[in-house]
């Protein structure tokens, strides 16, 4: 009997041991969840920094292990939970951003074309989310806290429901515009109202990002790269929040960059004027080379820190264009053959001489060109604003009369052809006259010594002889 009791006791002990062992080796519940942040531009990166790790203790209570290096004012969950005011939340977010600057994130993900950045497995706890604008999208994202702590499920816990949150963001934009015409300050991003040599007024509009006061990086630089412009730097004016502001050690510098310029704001000024509008205006003379389409382009760029606690920068730009045109016609004699040595001037709609980029009245002398073995003479003018012009012959070739004035129109719909006289290049911004401009020969007196002079002498002699005969006859009658 005693033996039986000992065996039963031994078996019971084994059962208890196995029960304890099973409990000891049983897997802890999986409280991992997923985090998806929407509104993230493709290519931008989500980083999750752990503030506190959450776990369920043997007392069935959630316990937190706080990350090291947290701001002193927010180094417990209770202190974090106590922040409810919007401005206080913003200050806390800035403090966390500064604390996590340069540290390795617990999780990261890059947004795809659906503008979502997703981490499929996130351990339970509190996280600080930072989205970095690494894809030149001109976006600054607002950092945020994410609660991924396990949730109560009856008398136990379960993983937090999958988390999807939309990130708030600020888009930094830049626009480059110009006055529509010399007498029209309507802002446009493309115009064809200026001749080469004209002064054009330009405007660059952007704003300073909402940099926090504790930002480690607050770069804000505006660069303008003109193509075919001159004299821009000396006319630059900067207006901040509606007030014209002078360059200086505490505001910004303006320096030349090629034929353009760079406006570099100080870190202190950018922080103290966070979120304020910036307008840069200047004038430039349109004097440079144009593309084969007759265009010049001018680009403005703004560079800033999408994450003010990271040294990385983002740049966005905008471009405006100026379109110019040309006109060309063929010059011939009355035999429809090439005719050289004719000179022409160009007049605008008011009859005034059109000036070139150097301020001189435009003139052109016929130029002979051989095309497919045939000789042609052309006259052309280029660098013109849209409009109707008058081509006036000012000097005809010897032996010819001046041709009648010829009107021609240039503009977007009519100036799409190549200039046949410039065989070395191909354009697409010329108006080509359908008809030739023809000179006719004048009515000239024959040269001295020809019959023309003799006939007058002969006629004079006959008249004298006739008069003498008439006088003789009258005397005899008398």
Protein backbone atom coordinates (compact mmCIF):
# COMPACT_ATOMS: atom_id res chain seq x y z
CA UNK A 1 0.00 0.00 0.00
CA UNK A 2 2.81 2.36 0.92
CA UNK A 3 4.53 1.54 -2.35
CA UNK A 4 1.41 2.44 -4.28
CA UNK A 5 1.14 5.79 -2.49
CA UNK A 6 4.78 6.54 -3.30
CA UNK A 7 4.21 5.76 -6.97
CA UNK A 8 1.14 8.00 -7.10
CA UNK A 9 3.01 10.79 -5.40
CA UNK A 10 5.87 10.44 -7.88
CA UNK A 11 3.48 10.50 -10.84
CA UNK A 12 1.71 13.56 -9.42
CA UNK A 13 5.04 15.30 -9.00
CA UNK A 14 5.94 14.56 -12.59
CA UNK A 15 2.63 15.97 -13.76
CA UNK A 16 3.23 19.15 -11.81
CA UNK A 17 6.75 19.43 -13.18
CA UNK A 18 5.54 19.02 -16.75
CA UNK A 19 2.72 21.49 -16.13
CA UNK A 20 5.15 24.07 -14.81
CA UNK A 21 7.56 23.36 -17.67
CA UNK A 22 4.77 23.73 -20.23
CA UNK A 23 3.81 27.02 -18.71
CA UNK A 24 7.41 28.10 -18.65
CA UNK A 25 8.08 27.22 -22.27
CA UNK A 26 4.73 28.43 -23.66
CA UNK A 27 5.15 31.30 -26.15
CA UNK A 28 4.27 34.78 -25.01
CA UNK A 29 1.19 36.20 -26.80
CA UNK A 30 2.03 38.03 -30.03
CA UNK A 31 0.98 41.65 -29.67
CA UNK A 32 2.65 42.91 -32.86
CA UNK A 33 0.58 45.09 -35.16
CA UNK A 34 1.03 46.98 -38.45
CA UNK A 35 1.42 50.71 -39.11
CA UNK A 36 0.46 52.38 -42.38
CA UNK A 37 0.95 56.11 -42.94
CA UNK A 38 -0.94 57.63 -45.88
CA UNK A 39 -0.36 60.90 -47.72
CA UNK A 40 3.36 60.24 -48.18
CA UNK A 41 4.76 61.22 -51.56
CA UNK A 42 6.23 58.37 -53.57
CA UNK A 43 9.86 57.80 -52.63
CA UNK A 44 9.58 59.58 -49.27
CA UNK A 45 10.52 57.61 -46.15
CA UNK A 46 8.66 56.82 -42.93
CA UNK A 47 10.78 56.23 -39.84
CA UNK A 48 9.40 54.94 -36.52
CA UNK A 49 11.43 55.68 -33.38
CA UNK A 50 10.47 53.76 -30.23
CA UNK A 51 9.57 55.99 -27.29
CA UNK A 52 8.36 53.23 -24.98
CA UNK A 53 8.25 49.45 -25.24
CA UNK A 54 5.04 47.88 -23.84
CA UNK A 55 4.73 44.45 -22.25
CA UNK A 56 2.24 42.59 -20.06
CA UNK A 57 3.59 41.67 -16.64
CA UNK A 58 2.77 38.65 -14.48
CA UNK A 59 0.33 40.93 -12.68
CA UNK A 60 -1.61 41.21 -15.96
CA UNK A 61 -0.78 44.93 -16.14
CA UNK A 62 0.91 46.75 -19.05
CA UNK A 63 4.38 47.98 -18.18
CA UNK A 64 6.54 50.39 -20.17
CA UNK A 65 10.26 50.51 -20.73
CA UNK A 66 11.16 54.05 -21.85
CA UNK A 67 13.81 54.67 -24.50
CA UNK A 68 17.02 56.35 -23.45
CA UNK A 69 17.76 59.97 -24.24
CA UNK A 70 14.15 61.21 -24.17
CA UNK A 71 13.45 64.88 -23.37
CA UNK A 72 13.25 65.31 -19.60
CA UNK A 73 9.71 66.68 -19.80
CA UNK A 74 8.45 63.63 -21.68
CA UNK A 75 10.32 60.65 -20.30
CA UNK A 76 7.28 58.85 -18.87
CA UNK A 77 4.06 57.69 -20.48
CA UNK A 78 2.05 59.71 -17.98
CA UNK A 79 3.87 62.91 -18.96
CA UNK A 80 3.26 62.22 -22.62
CA UNK A 81 -0.43 61.42 -22.08
CA UNK A 82 -0.90 64.64 -20.12
CA UNK A 83 -0.13 66.78 -23.21
CA UNK A 84 -3.45 67.73 -24.84
CA UNK A 85 -3.11 71.34 -26.03
CA UNK A 86 -2.33 71.71 -29.75
CA UNK A 87 0.61 74.06 -29.23
CA UNK A 88 1.95 71.86 -26.43
CA UNK A 89 1.71 68.81 -28.71
CA UNK A 90 3.68 70.67 -31.36
CA UNK A 91 6.34 71.59 -28.82
CA UNK A 92 6.54 67.97 -27.65
CA UNK A 93 6.87 66.74 -31.25
CA UNK A 94 9.72 69.18 -31.83
CA UNK A 95 11.41 68.00 -28.64
CA UNK A 96 11.16 64.36 -29.71
CA UNK A 97 12.43 65.19 -33.21
CA UNK A 98 15.47 66.84 -31.69
CA UNK A 99 16.02 63.91 -29.31
CA UNK A 100 15.90 61.30 -32.06
CA UNK A 101 18.05 63.34 -34.47
CA UNK A 102 20.86 61.15 -35.77
CA UNK A 103 19.59 57.98 -34.10
CA UNK A 104 18.67 54.74 -35.83
CA UNK A 105 14.97 54.17 -36.31
CA UNK A 106 13.29 51.00 -35.06
CA UNK A 107 11.39 50.62 -38.33
CA UNK A 108 11.34 52.34 -41.72
CA UNK A 109 9.38 52.11 -44.97
CA UNK A 110 9.32 53.94 -48.31
CA UNK A 111 6.09 55.12 -49.91
CA UNK A 112 5.02 53.73 -53.27
CA UNK A 113 2.85 55.18 -55.99
CA UNK A 114 -0.19 54.73 -53.71
CA UNK A 115 1.35 57.31 -51.34
CA UNK A 116 1.42 54.82 -48.46
CA UNK A 117 4.38 53.88 -46.29
CA UNK A 118 3.65 50.64 -44.39
CA UNK A 119 5.47 48.60 -41.74
CA UNK A 120 3.81 45.20 -41.43
CA UNK A 121 5.23 44.13 -38.06
CA UNK A 122 5.58 46.62 -35.21
CA UNK A 123 6.17 45.52 -31.63
CA UNK A 124 3.77 46.98 -29.02
CA UNK A 125 4.64 50.38 -27.62
CA UNK A 126 4.64 54.13 -28.32
CA UNK A 127 6.46 55.45 -31.38
CA UNK A 128 7.47 58.77 -32.82
CA UNK A 129 6.93 58.91 -36.59
CA UNK A 130 9.02 61.11 -38.88
CA UNK A 131 8.46 61.27 -42.65
CA UNK A 132 11.41 62.57 -44.65
CA UNK A 133 10.97 64.30 -47.99
CA UNK A 134 13.72 62.60 -49.94
CA UNK A 135 12.06 62.64 -53.36
CA UNK A 136 12.12 66.36 -54.21
CA UNK A 137 8.37 66.67 -53.73
CA UNK A 138 8.56 70.02 -51.92
CA UNK A 139 6.71 68.60 -48.91
CA UNK A 140 7.40 69.06 -45.21
CA UNK A 141 5.67 66.46 -43.04
CA UNK A 142 4.40 66.93 -39.51
CA UNK A 143 5.87 64.45 -37.04
CA UNK A 144 3.43 62.50 -34.85
CA UNK A 145 3.04 60.02 -32.01
CA UNK A 146 1.71 56.56 -32.79
CA UNK A 147 0.14 54.35 -30.12
CA UNK A 148 0.77 50.69 -30.94
CA UNK A 149 0.13 49.40 -27.40
CA UNK A 150 -1.83 46.16 -27.02
CA UNK A 151 -5.56 46.54 -26.35
CA UNK A 152 -7.78 45.09 -23.62
CA UNK A 153 -9.81 42.10 -24.74
CA UNK A 154 -12.11 40.96 -21.94
CA UNK A 155 -9.89 39.75 -19.12
CA UNK A 156 -6.80 39.57 -21.33
CA UNK A 157 -5.05 41.54 -24.08
CA UNK A 158 -4.77 41.43 -27.85
CA UNK A 159 -2.58 43.13 -30.43
CA UNK A 160 -3.54 46.67 -31.35
CA UNK A 161 -5.79 46.81 -34.38
CA UNK A 162 -3.87 47.57 -37.60
CA UNK A 163 -3.03 51.27 -37.53
CA UNK A 164 -3.64 53.57 -40.50
CA UNK A 165 -3.04 57.27 -40.05
CA UNK A 166 -2.82 60.18 -42.49
CA UNK A 167 0.23 62.38 -42.09
CA UNK A 168 -0.26 66.13 -42.09
CA UNK A 169 2.05 68.01 -44.39
CA UNK A 170 3.00 71.43 -45.69
CA UNK A 171 3.83 71.90 -49.35
CA UNK A 172 6.50 74.42 -50.24
CA UNK A 173 5.91 75.90 -53.69
CA UNK A 174 7.70 78.37 -55.91
CA UNK A 175 6.36 80.25 -58.91
CA UNK A 176 8.32 82.24 -61.46
CA UNK A 177 6.27 84.74 -63.47
CA UNK A 178 6.77 87.85 -65.58
CA UNK A 179 4.77 90.89 -66.61
CA UNK A 180 2.59 90.01 -69.58
CA UNK A 181 3.80 93.08 -71.47
CA UNK A 182 5.73 96.27 -70.85
CA UNK A 183 2.46 98.11 -70.19
CA UNK A 184 0.63 95.19 -68.54
CA UNK A 185 1.78 93.89 -65.14
CA UNK A 186 -0.54 90.87 -65.23
CA UNK A 187 1.58 87.93 -64.06
CA UNK A 188 2.03 85.10 -66.60
CA UNK A 189 4.43 82.19 -66.93
CA UNK A 190 4.88 82.62 -70.69
CA UNK A 191 4.74 85.65 -72.95
CA UNK A 192 5.52 86.69 -76.51
CA UNK A 193 5.14 90.44 -75.98
CA UNK A 194 8.82 91.40 -75.89
CA UNK A 195 11.48 92.00 -78.54
CA UNK A 196 15.08 91.07 -77.87
CA UNK A 197 16.54 94.03 -75.99
CA UNK A 198 13.39 94.64 -73.93
CA UNK A 199 13.45 94.95 -70.14
CA UNK A 200 11.18 92.39 -68.47
CA UNK A 201 9.94 92.48 -64.88
CA UNK A 202 10.03 89.08 -63.13
CA UNK A 203 8.48 87.86 -59.87
CA UNK A 204 9.46 84.84 -57.75
CA UNK A 205 6.95 83.80 -55.05
CA UNK A 206 7.48 81.23 -52.30
CA UNK A 207 7.39 80.96 -48.49
CA UNK A 208 9.67 80.05 -45.62
CA UNK A 209 8.90 76.61 -44.16
CA UNK A 210 7.42 76.42 -40.65
CA UNK A 211 10.73 75.77 -38.99
CA UNK A 212 10.52 75.26 -35.20
CA UNK A 213 12.58 77.42 -32.91
CA UNK A 214 14.74 74.44 -31.91
CA UNK A 215 15.43 73.37 -35.50
CA UNK A 216 18.99 72.21 -36.02
CA UNK A 217 18.77 73.01 -39.73
CA UNK A 218 16.76 75.83 -41.28
CA UNK A 219 18.22 76.36 -44.73
CA UNK A 220 16.27 78.59 -47.09
CA UNK A 221 17.88 79.60 -50.39
CA UNK A 222 16.35 81.07 -53.55
CA UNK A 223 18.35 80.77 -56.75
CA UNK A 224 17.44 82.28 -60.10
CA UNK A 225 19.03 80.99 -63.28
CA UNK A 226 18.20 83.19 -66.26
CA UNK A 227 18.81 82.18 -69.85
CA UNK A 228 19.32 85.04 -72.26
CA UNK A 229 18.99 87.80 -69.67
CA UNK A 230 21.35 90.49 -68.46
CA UNK A 231 21.45 93.12 -65.71
CA UNK A 232 19.37 91.11 -63.20
CA UNK A 233 21.42 91.38 -60.00
CA UNK A 234 21.32 95.15 -59.58
CA UNK A 235 17.51 95.24 -59.58
CA UNK A 236 16.75 92.47 -57.04
CA UNK A 237 14.20 93.35 -54.34
CA UNK A 238 13.07 91.01 -51.55
CA UNK A 239 9.74 91.32 -49.74
CA UNK A 240 9.00 89.19 -46.65
CA UNK A 241 5.42 89.00 -45.38
CA UNK A 242 4.56 92.10 -47.43
CA UNK A 243 7.48 94.21 -46.20
CA UNK A 244 10.46 95.05 -48.38
CA UNK A 245 13.53 93.81 -46.54
CA UNK A 246 17.13 94.81 -47.08
CA UNK A 247 20.01 92.38 -47.34
CA UNK A 248 22.20 92.24 -44.26
CA UNK A 249 24.11 90.12 -41.78
CA UNK A 250 20.91 89.20 -39.90
CA UNK A 251 18.56 88.80 -42.88
CA UNK A 252 19.96 87.45 -46.14
CA UNK A 253 22.65 87.91 -48.74
CA UNK A 254 22.27 88.45 -52.48
CA UNK A 255 25.14 87.24 -54.61
CA UNK A 256 25.75 86.80 -58.32
CA UNK A 257 25.54 83.33 -59.83
CA UNK A 258 26.44 83.42 -63.51
CA UNK A 259 24.04 85.95 -65.01
CA UNK A 260 21.58 85.15 -62.23
CA UNK A 261 21.67 85.46 -58.44
CA UNK A 262 21.29 83.58 -55.15
CA UNK A 263 19.39 84.85 -52.11
CA UNK A 264 20.57 83.02 -48.97
CA UNK A 265 18.61 83.60 -45.75
CA UNK A 266 20.26 83.30 -42.36
CA UNK A 267 19.12 80.46 -40.09
CA UNK A 268 17.93 82.90 -37.45
CA UNK A 269 15.86 84.90 -39.93
CA UNK A 270 14.29 81.75 -41.39
CA UNK A 271 13.28 80.56 -37.91
CA UNK A 272 11.90 83.92 -36.80
CA UNK A 273 9.91 84.33 -40.04
CA UNK A 274 8.73 80.72 -40.34
CA UNK A 275 5.69 80.29 -42.55
CA UNK A 276 5.88 83.81 -44.02
CA UNK A 277 5.66 84.64 -47.72
CA UNK A 278 8.71 85.72 -49.71
CA UNK A 279 8.53 87.62 -53.00
CA UNK A 280 11.61 88.42 -55.07
CA UNK A 281 11.32 90.84 -57.99
CA UNK A 282 13.88 91.96 -60.54
CA UNK A 283 14.27 93.22 -64.09
CA UNK A 284 16.33 91.63 -66.81
CA UNK A 285 17.11 92.62 -70.38
CA UNK A 286 16.20 89.96 -72.94
CA UNK A 287 19.38 89.71 -74.97
CA UNK A 288 20.54 86.12 -75.22
CA UNK A 289 20.40 83.24 -77.62
CA UNK A 290 17.12 81.48 -78.17
CA UNK A 291 16.26 77.86 -78.84
CA UNK A 292 15.38 76.57 -82.29
CA UNK A 293 11.74 77.12 -81.23
CA UNK A 294 12.45 80.79 -80.52
CA UNK A 295 12.20 80.44 -76.74
CA UNK A 296 14.25 81.54 -73.78
CA UNK A 297 13.60 80.06 -70.34
CA UNK A 298 14.33 81.29 -66.83
CA UNK A 299 14.24 79.04 -63.77
CA UNK A 300 13.80 79.87 -60.08
CA UNK A 301 14.66 77.29 -57.40
CA UNK A 302 14.10 77.15 -53.65
CA UNK A 303 16.12 74.86 -51.35
CA UNK A 304 15.10 74.02 -47.78
CA UNK A 305 15.25 71.31 -45.08
CA UNK A 306 12.17 69.09 -45.21
CA UNK A 307 13.21 67.74 -41.80
CA UNK A 308 14.61 70.60 -39.68
CA UNK A 309 16.47 68.08 -37.51
CA UNK A 310 18.28 66.54 -40.45
CA UNK A 311 20.82 68.18 -42.73
CA UNK A 312 19.25 66.80 -45.91
CA UNK A 313 17.76 69.35 -48.29
CA UNK A 314 15.00 69.39 -50.85
CA UNK A 315 14.79 71.65 -53.92
CA UNK A 316 11.89 72.56 -56.15
CA UNK A 317 11.81 74.89 -59.13
CA UNK A 318 9.58 76.68 -61.60
CA UNK A 319 10.32 78.02 -65.08
CA UNK A 320 8.85 80.78 -67.18
CA UNK A 321 9.46 81.36 -70.88
CA UNK A 322 9.70 84.16 -73.40
CA UNK A 323 8.80 83.55 -77.03
CA UNK A 324 10.18 85.60 -79.90
CA UNK A 325 9.53 85.37 -83.62
CA UNK A 326 11.11 86.16 -86.98
CA UNK A 327 9.92 87.12 -90.46
CA UNK A 328 11.49 86.52 -93.86
CA UNK A 329 10.68 87.27 -97.49
CA UNK A 330 12.36 86.73 -100.82
CA UNK A 331 13.54 89.73 -102.84
CA UNK A 332 13.57 89.59 -106.67
CA UNK A 333 13.79 91.87 -109.64
CA UNK A 334 11.06 92.29 -112.26
CA UNK A 335 12.50 89.24 -114.02
CA UNK A 336 11.82 87.21 -110.82
CA UNK A 337 15.53 86.59 -110.36
CA UNK A 338 17.65 87.17 -107.28
CA UNK A 339 18.28 90.86 -106.65
CA UNK A 340 20.96 92.12 -104.27
CA UNK A 341 21.80 95.45 -102.67
CA UNK A 342 18.33 96.41 -101.50
CA UNK A 343 18.09 97.77 -97.92
CA UNK A 344 15.12 97.57 -95.58
CA UNK A 345 13.96 98.91 -92.22
CA UNK A 346 11.34 97.45 -89.89
CA UNK A 347 8.53 99.55 -88.41
CA UNK A 348 6.08 98.63 -85.65
CA UNK A 349 2.31 99.10 -85.75
CA UNK A 350 2.73 102.78 -84.82
CA UNK A 351 5.25 103.40 -87.59
CA UNK A 352 8.22 103.58 -85.25
CA UNK A 353 11.53 101.94 -86.04
CA UNK A 354 11.96 98.60 -84.25
CA UNK A 355 15.13 98.47 -82.17
CA UNK A 356 17.53 95.54 -81.86
CA UNK A 357 18.96 94.24 -78.58
CA UNK A 358 21.64 96.96 -78.65
CA UNK A 359 19.07 99.74 -79.06
CA UNK A 360 19.76 100.42 -82.74
CA UNK A 361 17.10 100.60 -85.44
CA UNK A 362 16.78 97.24 -87.20
CA UNK A 363 17.93 97.18 -90.81
CA UNK A 364 18.66 94.39 -93.25
CA UNK A 365 20.34 94.23 -96.64
CA UNK A 366 19.40 91.46 -99.03
CA UNK A 367 21.54 88.38 -98.67
CA UNK A 368 22.17 85.88 -101.44
CA UNK A 369 21.74 82.20 -100.62
CA UNK A 370 22.19 79.22 -102.93
CA UNK A 371 19.57 76.53 -102.41
CA UNK A 372 19.57 73.37 -104.51
CA UNK A 373 21.83 75.07 -107.03
CA UNK A 374 19.57 78.14 -107.43
CA UNK A 375 20.36 81.63 -106.21
CA UNK A 376 17.89 83.43 -103.95
CA UNK A 377 18.02 86.71 -102.10
CA UNK A 378 16.30 87.07 -98.74
CA UNK A 379 15.57 89.70 -96.16
CA UNK A 380 14.76 88.67 -92.59
CA UNK A 381 14.31 90.11 -89.12
CA UNK A 382 14.20 88.17 -85.85
CA UNK A 383 13.91 88.67 -82.10
CA UNK A 384 10.42 90.12 -82.53
CA UNK A 385 7.41 90.27 -80.26
CA UNK A 386 4.05 89.12 -81.57
CA UNK A 387 2.35 91.72 -83.74
CA UNK A 388 2.08 93.26 -87.20
CA UNK A 389 5.08 94.99 -88.73
CA UNK A 390 5.80 97.03 -91.84
CA UNK A 391 8.86 96.26 -93.95
CA UNK A 392 10.02 99.44 -95.67
CA UNK A 393 12.59 99.52 -98.42
CA UNK A 394 14.93 102.41 -97.76
CA UNK A 395 17.38 101.92 -100.64
CA UNK A 396 16.72 100.22 -103.96
CA UNK A 397 19.40 98.57 -106.12
CA UNK A 398 20.79 100.85 -108.82
CA UNK A 399 18.37 101.19 -111.73
CA UNK A 400 15.30 100.10 -109.71
CA UNK A 401 12.50 101.94 -107.95
CA UNK A 402 11.65 101.42 -104.28
CA UNK A 403 9.22 98.59 -103.63
CA UNK A 404 5.92 99.25 -101.87
CA UNK A 405 5.78 98.79 -98.09
CA UNK A 406 5.04 95.21 -97.06
CA UNK A 407 3.04 94.33 -93.92
CA UNK A 408 3.75 91.04 -92.13
CA UNK A 409 2.38 89.48 -88.95
CA UNK A 410 4.23 87.28 -86.48
CA UNK A 411 2.70 85.29 -83.66
CA UNK A 412 2.01 81.88 -82.20
CA UNK A 413 -0.26 80.60 -84.97
CA UNK A 414 1.48 82.12 -87.99
CA UNK A 415 5.15 81.91 -87.08
CA UNK A 416 5.86 78.21 -87.24
CA UNK A 417 8.14 77.89 -90.28
CA UNK A 418 11.85 77.61 -90.86
CA UNK A 419 13.85 80.53 -92.22
CA UNK A 420 15.03 79.33 -95.65
CA UNK A 421 17.88 81.83 -95.64
CA UNK A 422 19.63 80.26 -92.64
CA UNK A 423 20.55 76.95 -94.20
CA UNK A 424 22.95 76.09 -91.36
CA UNK A 425 20.16 75.76 -88.80
CA UNK A 426 16.49 74.87 -88.61
CA UNK A 427 14.02 77.06 -86.74
CA UNK A 428 10.30 76.86 -86.13
CA UNK A 429 9.35 80.43 -85.25
CA UNK A 430 9.40 82.34 -88.56
CA UNK A 431 6.66 83.87 -90.64
CA UNK A 432 7.56 83.33 -94.30
CA UNK A 433 6.00 85.65 -96.87
CA UNK A 434 3.95 83.80 -99.47
CA UNK A 435 4.83 86.30 -102.21
CA UNK A 436 8.13 87.79 -103.24
CA UNK A 437 8.91 91.48 -102.86
CA UNK A 438 9.66 92.73 -106.33
CA UNK A 439 11.62 95.74 -107.57
CA UNK A 440 10.92 97.19 -111.02
CA UNK A 441 13.30 99.16 -113.21
CA UNK A 442 12.92 102.94 -113.29
CA UNK A 443 12.39 105.28 -116.32
CA UNK A 444 15.93 106.60 -116.92
CA UNK A 445 17.16 109.16 -119.44
CA UNK A 446 19.58 107.72 -122.03
CA UNK A 447 23.23 108.26 -121.30
CA UNK A 448 25.06 111.44 -122.48
CA UNK A 449 26.26 111.14 -126.14
CA UNK A 450 23.38 108.95 -127.21
CA UNK A 451 20.54 109.88 -129.49
CA UNK A 452 18.64 111.38 -126.66
CA UNK A 453 20.80 114.50 -126.48
CA UNK A 454 21.21 114.90 -130.22
CA UNK A 455 17.51 114.89 -130.91
CA UNK A 456 17.07 118.00 -128.79
CA UNK A 457 19.80 119.81 -130.75
CA UNK A 458 18.23 118.81 -134.09
CA UNK A 459 14.78 119.93 -132.96
CA UNK A 460 16.21 123.26 -131.80
CA UNK A 461 17.99 123.79 -135.13
CA UNK A 462 14.81 123.12 -137.13
CA UNK A 463 12.91 125.65 -135.05
CA UNK A 464 15.60 128.29 -135.63
CA UNK A 465 15.64 127.69 -139.43
CA UNK A 466 11.86 127.85 -139.52
CA UNK A 467 11.85 131.18 -137.73
CA UNK A 468 14.39 132.64 -140.16
CA UNK A 469 12.39 131.54 -143.22
CA UNK A 470 9.23 133.03 -141.78
CA UNK A 471 10.97 136.37 -141.22
CA UNK A 472 12.32 136.39 -144.84
CA UNK A 473 8.91 135.75 -146.34
CA UNK A 474 7.29 138.57 -144.33
CA UNK A 475 9.96 141.04 -145.46
CA UNK A 476 9.44 140.25 -149.15
CA UNK A 477 5.72 140.72 -148.79
CA UNK A 478 6.36 143.97 -147.16
